C-alpha cells in the first residue's frame, strides 16, 4: 500500500507542477502583459520585478501542491479507511484538543477523516 501511495504521490506532484506552471503563466500574462516571467539573471530587470515574480510563482506552486496533497490524502482515506499522512495514529483533532482548541476554533472544520 505504501508503494502505491508513493507512486500516486509522484504522479500528483508532477501533474501539480504542470498545473501550477500553467496557472502562474496565465496570471503573469494577465498582470504584466508579458509572455514570460523574468529570469533572475536578466540584467534588464530590476530587483522588485524579479522578486515579485519569484514570490508569486512560489505562492502559486505551494497552494496548488497543498491542495493536491490534501485532496489525495482525503481520497486515499475514503478508499482505504486509513489516513495516509501525519496524525493518523493520534485520532481526529488530538493535537488541537491537547492545547484546548477544537478544529473549528482553529479554522480547519472542513476536513473529514
Protein backbone atom coordinates (compact mmCIF):
# COMPACT_ATOMS: atom_id res chain seq x y z
CA UNK A 1 0.00 0.00 0.00
CA UNK A 2 2.84 2.41 0.81
CA UNK A 3 4.37 1.84 -2.62
CA UNK A 4 1.06 2.64 -4.29
CA UNK A 5 0.67 5.80 -2.19
CA UNK A 6 4.18 6.85 -3.13
CA UNK A 7 3.57 6.26 -6.85
CA UNK A 8 0.32 8.23 -6.71
CA UNK A 9 2.12 10.99 -4.81
CA UNK A 10 4.80 11.26 -7.51
CA UNK A 11 2.18 11.39 -10.27
CA UNK A 12 0.14 14.01 -8.42
CA UNK A 13 3.31 16.02 -7.80
CA UNK A 14 4.19 16.05 -11.49
CA UNK A 15 0.66 16.98 -12.51
CA UNK A 16 0.60 19.65 -9.79
CA UNK A 17 3.80 21.18 -11.11
CA UNK A 18 2.34 21.34 -14.59
CA UNK A 19 -0.89 22.87 -13.29
CA UNK A 20 0.97 25.43 -11.16
CA UNK A 21 3.25 26.39 -14.05
CA UNK A 22 0.25 26.95 -16.30
CA UNK A 23 -1.58 28.97 -13.63
CA UNK A 24 1.47 31.14 -12.99
CA UNK A 25 1.99 31.80 -16.68
CA UNK A 26 -1.65 32.86 -17.12
CA UNK A 27 -1.58 35.10 -14.06
CA UNK A 28 1.75 36.66 -15.08
CA UNK A 29 0.41 37.37 -18.57
CA UNK A 30 -2.78 38.91 -17.17
CA UNK A 31 -0.91 41.12 -14.72
CA UNK A 32 2.03 42.22 -16.89
CA UNK A 33 1.02 41.53 -20.49
CA UNK A 34 4.30 39.62 -20.97
CA UNK A 35 4.53 36.01 -22.10
CA UNK A 36 7.36 35.03 -19.77
CA UNK A 37 8.33 35.93 -16.23
CA UNK A 38 11.78 37.48 -15.84
CA UNK A 39 14.75 35.28 -15.08
CA UNK A 40 16.79 36.24 -12.02
CA UNK A 41 19.86 36.79 -14.23
CA UNK A 42 18.15 39.17 -16.68
CA UNK A 43 20.17 42.40 -16.42
CA UNK A 44 17.29 44.42 -17.92
CA UNK A 45 15.01 43.64 -14.97
CA UNK A 46 15.10 45.21 -11.54
CA UNK A 47 15.12 43.55 -8.14
CA UNK A 48 11.46 44.37 -7.49
CA UNK A 49 10.21 42.64 -10.63
CA UNK A 50 12.47 39.61 -10.15
CA UNK A 51 11.45 39.11 -6.52
CA UNK A 52 7.77 39.74 -7.20
CA UNK A 53 7.77 37.12 -9.95
CA UNK A 54 9.57 34.63 -7.71
CA UNK A 55 7.23 35.24 -4.77
CA UNK A 56 4.12 34.89 -6.94
CA UNK A 57 5.42 31.73 -8.55
CA UNK A 58 6.35 30.23 -5.17
CA UNK A 59 2.97 31.05 -3.67
CA UNK A 60 1.09 29.51 -6.58
CA UNK A 61 3.20 26.35 -6.50
CA UNK A 62 2.75 26.00 -2.73
CA UNK A 63 -1.03 26.46 -2.83
CA UNK A 64 -1.50 24.05 -5.73
CA UNK A 65 0.73 21.43 -4.09
CA UNK A 66 -1.01 21.73 -0.71
CA UNK A 67 -4.45 21.46 -2.31
CA UNK A 68 -3.46 18.38 -4.31
CA UNK A 69 -1.72 16.74 -1.34
CA UNK A 70 -4.78 17.26 0.84
CA UNK A 71 -7.20 16.04 -1.83
CA UNK A 72 -5.04 12.95 -2.42
CA UNK A 73 -4.90 12.20 1.31
CA UNK A 74 -8.67 12.55 1.65
CA UNK A 75 -9.25 10.36 -1.40
CA UNK A 76 -6.90 7.72 -0.03
CA UNK A 77 -8.66 7.83 3.34
CA UNK A 78 -12.06 7.37 1.69
CA UNK A 79 -10.82 4.43 -0.39
CA UNK A 80 -8.79 2.64 2.27
CA UNK A 81 -10.30 3.85 5.53
CA UNK A 82 -6.86 4.95 6.74
CA UNK A 83 -5.39 8.46 6.79
CA UNK A 84 -2.07 8.33 4.88
CA UNK A 85 -0.39 11.37 6.42
CA UNK A 86 0.64 12.74 9.76
CA UNK A 87 -1.70 12.44 12.71
CA UNK A 88 -3.25 9.17 11.57
CA UNK A 89 -2.40 7.47 14.88
CA UNK A 90 -3.46 10.39 17.08
CA UNK A 91 -7.13 10.40 16.23
CA UNK A 92 -9.06 13.36 14.89
CA UNK A 93 -8.13 16.70 16.43
CA UNK A 94 -5.79 15.22 19.07
CA UNK A 95 -3.16 17.93 18.63
CA UNK A 96 -5.70 20.74 18.85
CA UNK A 97 -7.56 19.25 21.81
CA UNK A 98 -4.34 18.99 23.79
CA UNK A 99 -4.00 22.78 23.81
CA UNK A 100 -7.71 23.41 24.33
CA UNK A 101 -8.65 24.26 20.74
CA UNK A 102 -11.07 22.38 18.53
CA UNK A 103 -10.74 22.13 14.75
CA UNK A 104 -13.48 24.72 14.34
CA UNK A 105 -11.64 27.17 16.62
CA UNK A 106 -8.51 26.76 14.51
CA UNK A 107 -10.45 27.16 11.25
CA UNK A 108 -9.98 23.64 9.99
CA UNK A 109 -13.51 22.38 10.40
CA UNK A 110 -13.95 21.41 6.74
CA UNK A 111 -11.81 18.27 6.73
CA UNK A 112 -13.11 14.79 7.27
CA UNK A 113 -11.14 11.69 8.03
